[in-house]
Protein backbone atom coordinates (compact mmCIF):
# COMPACT_ATOMS: atom_id res chain seq x y z
CA UNK A 1 89.40 48.35 94.12
CA UNK A 2 92.98 46.74 94.80
CA UNK A 3 91.97 43.48 93.17
CA UNK A 4 90.80 45.12 90.23
CA UNK A 5 94.03 46.82 89.89
CA UNK A 6 95.76 43.40 90.37
CA UNK A 7 93.63 41.72 87.51
CA UNK A 8 94.20 44.99 85.24
CA UNK A 9 97.87 44.74 85.90
CA UNK A 10 98.10 41.02 84.86
CA UNK A 11 96.18 41.60 81.91
CA UNK A 12 98.08 44.19 80.67
CA UNK A 13 101.52 42.33 80.90
CA UNK A 14 99.69 39.31 79.31
CA UNK A 15 98.48 41.90 76.39
CA UNK A 16 101.90 43.10 75.93
CA UNK A 17 103.33 39.77 75.87
CA UNK A 18 101.14 38.90 73.22
CA UNK A 19 101.67 42.08 71.30
CA UNK A 20 105.43 42.02 71.85
CA UNK A 21 105.30 38.33 70.37
CA UNK A 22 103.23 39.24 67.34
CA UNK A 23 105.85 42.37 66.31
CA UNK A 24 108.67 40.52 66.87
CA UNK A 25 108.07 36.96 65.67
CA UNK A 26 107.66 35.04 68.56
CA UNK A 27 110.66 36.69 70.91
CA UNK A 28 108.68 39.39 72.82
CA UNK A 29 109.69 38.48 76.02
CA UNK A 30 111.69 41.86 76.22
CA UNK A 31 108.57 43.92 75.63
CA UNK A 32 106.64 41.94 78.07
CA UNK A 33 109.23 42.70 80.68
CA UNK A 34 109.49 46.31 80.09
CA UNK A 35 105.79 46.54 80.51
CA UNK A 36 105.88 44.69 83.55
CA UNK A 37 108.40 47.03 85.22
CA UNK A 38 105.87 50.03 84.13
CA UNK A 39 103.16 48.26 85.69
CA UNK A 40 105.08 47.42 89.00
CA UNK A 41 105.23 51.21 89.30
CA UNK A 42 101.77 51.83 88.96
CA UNK A 43 101.10 50.71 92.45
CA UNK A 44 103.32 53.14 93.93
CA UNK A 45 102.15 55.96 91.82
CA UNK A 46 98.80 55.12 93.05
CA UNK A 47 99.61 54.81 96.52
CA UNK A 48 100.79 58.76 96.60
CA UNK A 49 98.23 59.68 94.73
CA UNK A 50 95.86 58.19 97.34
CA UNK A 51 97.56 59.92 99.89
CA UNK A 52 96.45 63.23 98.74
CA UNK A 53 100.03 64.97 98.88
CA UNK A 54 100.20 68.58 99.80
CA UNK A 55 101.03 71.20 97.37
CA UNK A 56 104.24 71.62 99.50
CA UNK A 57 105.27 67.89 99.22
CA UNK A 58 104.76 67.98 95.27
CA UNK A 59 107.11 70.91 95.02
CA UNK A 60 109.63 69.38 96.99
CA UNK A 61 109.61 66.08 94.85
CA UNK A 62 109.71 68.21 91.94
CA UNK A 63 112.74 69.96 92.86
CA UNK A 64 114.55 66.90 93.99
CA UNK A 65 113.88 65.58 90.94
CA UNK A 66 114.94 68.19 88.68
CA UNK A 67 118.44 68.18 90.65
CA UNK A 68 118.73 64.61 90.25
CA UNK A 69 117.62 64.93 86.21
CA UNK A 70 120.15 67.90 85.75
CA UNK A 71 122.88 66.09 87.93
CA UNK A 72 122.77 63.70 85.30
CA UNK A 73 122.70 65.63 82.54
CA UNK A 74 125.56 67.75 83.99
CA UNK A 75 128.08 64.29 84.37
CA UNK A 76 127.03 63.44 81.05
CA UNK A 77 130.61 63.63 80.10
CA UNK A 78 131.55 61.20 83.08
CA UNK A 79 130.21 57.63 81.72
CA UNK A 80 128.32 55.94 84.76
CA UNK A 81 129.49 58.40 87.35
CA UNK A 82 126.13 60.27 88.09
CA UNK A 83 124.72 61.67 91.22
CA UNK A 84 121.22 60.26 90.64
CA UNK A 85 121.25 57.35 92.91
CA UNK A 86 122.79 59.53 96.05
CA UNK A 87 120.16 62.20 95.49
CA UNK A 88 117.31 59.52 95.44
CA UNK A 89 118.50 58.19 98.79
CA UNK A 90 118.81 61.64 100.29
CA UNK A 91 115.17 62.18 99.25
CA UNK A 92 113.88 59.17 100.47
CA UNK A 93 115.97 59.14 103.82
CA UNK A 94 114.41 62.47 104.35
CA UNK A 95 111.06 62.37 102.72
CA UNK A 96 109.92 58.64 103.15
CA UNK A 97 109.93 55.88 100.80
CA UNK A 98 106.80 57.23 98.62
CA UNK A 99 108.66 60.42 97.92
CA UNK A 100 111.99 58.63 97.45
CA UNK A 101 110.02 56.12 95.04
CA UNK A 102 108.30 59.03 92.98
CA UNK A 103 112.20 61.00 92.90
CA UNK A 104 113.65 58.10 91.55
CA UNK A 105 111.22 57.12 88.90
CA UNK A 106 110.56 60.32 87.55
CA UNK A 107 114.28 61.28 87.46
CA UNK A 108 114.52 58.47 85.15
CA UNK A 109 111.85 59.31 82.79
CA UNK A 110 112.58 63.05 82.76
CA UNK A 111 116.14 62.50 82.12
CA UNK A 112 115.88 60.31 79.28
CA UNK A 113 114.02 62.88 77.20
CA UNK A 114 117.81 63.77 76.69
CA UNK A 115 119.70 60.69 76.99
CA UNK A 116 116.86 58.62 75.19
CA UNK A 117 113.33 57.12 75.76
CA UNK A 118 112.90 53.23 75.32
CA UNK A 119 112.11 49.97 76.73
CA UNK A 120 114.82 50.44 79.47
CA UNK A 121 113.28 53.22 80.65
CA UNK A 122 110.65 51.37 82.86
CA UNK A 123 113.31 49.38 83.92
CA UNK A 124 115.35 52.65 84.98
CA UNK A 125 112.42 53.88 86.59
CA UNK A 126 111.63 50.74 88.54
CA UNK A 127 115.33 50.40 89.79
CA UNK A 128 115.78 54.20 91.07
CA UNK A 129 112.19 54.15 92.39
CA UNK A 130 113.13 51.04 94.57
CA UNK A 131 116.41 52.61 95.72
CA UNK A 132 114.33 55.72 96.92
CA UNK A 133 111.92 53.33 98.48
CA UNK A 134 114.25 51.32 100.31
CA UNK A 135 116.24 54.35 101.67
CA UNK A 136 113.03 55.61 103.06
CA UNK A 137 112.33 52.47 104.59
CA UNK A 138 115.38 51.83 106.28
CA UNK A 139 115.96 55.91 106.86
CA UNK A 140 116.85 55.37 110.52
CA UNK A 141 119.87 53.04 109.57
CA UNK A 142 121.50 55.96 107.62
CA UNK A 143 122.47 58.04 110.22
CA UNK A 144 126.47 57.33 110.01
CA UNK A 145 128.96 57.60 107.11
CA UNK A 146 129.68 54.07 107.22
CA UNK A 147 126.00 53.29 106.84
CA UNK A 148 125.77 55.41 103.67
CA UNK A 149 128.45 54.06 102.02
CA UNK A 150 126.99 50.19 102.33
CA UNK A 151 123.67 51.76 101.02
CA UNK A 152 125.59 53.22 98.12
CA UNK A 153 127.24 50.19 97.62
CA UNK A 154 124.03 48.03 97.66
CA UNK A 155 122.25 50.65 95.31
CA UNK A 156 125.15 50.34 92.76
CA UNK A 157 124.81 46.83 92.89
CA UNK A 158 121.09 46.47 92.83
CA UNK A 159 121.18 48.84 90.08
CA UNK A 160 123.45 47.04 87.94
CA UNK A 161 121.94 43.93 88.60
CA UNK A 162 118.43 44.66 87.89
CA UNK A 163 119.48 46.68 84.60
CA UNK A 164 121.53 43.61 83.43
CA UNK A 165 118.12 41.88 83.12
CA UNK A 166 117.08 44.44 80.54
CA UNK A 167 120.67 43.98 78.78
CA UNK A 168 119.98 40.18 78.24
CA UNK A 169 116.93 40.67 77.27
CA UNK A 170 117.49 43.43 74.62
CA UNK A 171 120.25 40.89 73.50
CA UNK A 172 118.54 37.31 73.55
CA UNK A 173 114.82 38.26 72.96
CA UNK A 174 114.47 35.95 76.39
CA UNK A 175 115.62 35.81 79.60
CA UNK A 176 118.76 33.34 80.31
CA UNK A 177 120.41 32.68 83.66
CA UNK A 178 123.49 32.01 82.07
CA UNK A 179 123.84 35.00 80.03
CA UNK A 180 122.43 37.42 82.90
CA UNK A 181 125.61 35.94 84.98
CA UNK A 182 127.98 36.74 82.29
CA UNK A 183 126.38 40.00 81.72
CA UNK A 184 126.85 40.84 85.85
CA UNK A 185 130.40 39.75 85.26
CA UNK A 186 131.38 41.79 82.31
CA UNK A 187 129.79 44.71 83.57
CA UNK A 188 131.82 44.56 87.03
CA UNK A 189 134.04 47.61 86.29
CA UNK A 190 130.84 49.70 85.53
CA UNK A 191 128.89 48.40 88.58
CA UNK A 192 132.25 49.55 90.63
CA UNK A 193 132.06 53.02 89.26
CA UNK A 194 128.21 53.26 90.04
CA UNK A 195 129.20 52.20 93.86
CA UNK A 196 132.00 54.87 93.92
CA UNK A 197 130.07 57.63 92.33
CA UNK A 198 127.08 56.72 95.17
CA UNK A 199 129.48 56.84 97.99
CA UNK A 200 131.14 59.85 96.70
CA UNK A 201 127.98 61.99 96.21
CA UNK A 202 126.49 60.80 99.34
CA UNK A 203 129.47 61.84 101.55
CA UNK A 204 129.40 65.13 99.64
CA UNK A 205 125.85 65.96 99.56
CA UNK A 206 124.02 64.42 102.56
CA UNK A 207 124.74 66.73 105.22
CA UNK A 208 124.36 70.14 103.40
CA UNK A 209 121.47 69.24 101.64
CA UNK A 210 119.95 67.03 104.13
CA UNK A 211 120.14 69.97 106.38
CA UNK A 212 118.02 71.88 104.35
CA UNK A 213 115.88 69.13 103.49
CA UNK A 214 115.00 68.64 107.21
CA UNK A 215 114.49 72.56 107.58
CA UNK A 216 111.65 72.78 104.84
CA UNK A 217 109.96 69.38 105.66
CA UNK A 218 109.74 70.94 109.53
CA UNK A 219 109.15 74.73 108.67
CA UNK A 220 106.11 73.72 106.08
CA UNK A 221 105.00 70.20 107.69
CA UNK A 222 105.42 68.24 105.23
CA UNK A 223 105.96 64.28 105.16
CA UNK A 224 105.12 64.37 108.63
CA UNK A 225 105.45 60.40 108.52
CA UNK A 226 109.09 61.22 108.27
CA UNK A 227 109.57 62.95 111.86
CA UNK A 228 111.90 61.02 113.87
CA UNK A 229 110.76 62.89 117.17
CA UNK A 230 107.45 60.77 116.70
CA UNK A 231 105.39 64.20 116.71
CA UNK A 232 103.85 66.28 114.06
CA UNK A 233 106.23 68.95 113.02
CA UNK A 234 104.76 72.60 113.99
């Protein structure tokens, strides 16, 4: 089954490249890259589906996704200063990497109903999804305020670097390392805002929101793999 999925994913990327090349006069690399970013999300969705999550887990992921998308709407007047990454990190920290990835990926596609869908959406899904998954994997390291600040900076830099791949593709039609470095340098002020906003929202939201998420997780016995005591929650 896994081999079949890999073959289908590879075929999908190849088909996207051919189709993109045809409709764009030979410069369809950006189209293939967007398709590849979307296909990279598929294993996470399939893994989550295979685990057969409980209704309570689905509800909590939906709630955190709604909070994340709503936060992006509310802070729309403040360019690049958004709580999405912070909420995704908090979700991954308390609910695990799968929930973190799902919340991040769904936050991108749902909030873009308002901000606009496009070939950049799969990149945003992958970026925020990976941020949530990484937070879930490293959740034992995110107990201190300093660790949260470092995580906020890493998330801001990582998001900016990966989204700058899309920036280069959208401008050039193909990827160029030189243009990517130039895009990273020119976007440095925006990246700083990303990092600062992540730190601010993490420091403000982590304790009050984290306590409630842990209470819900323990009370309803959801996401048992994140139980730090090593025992199934009662």
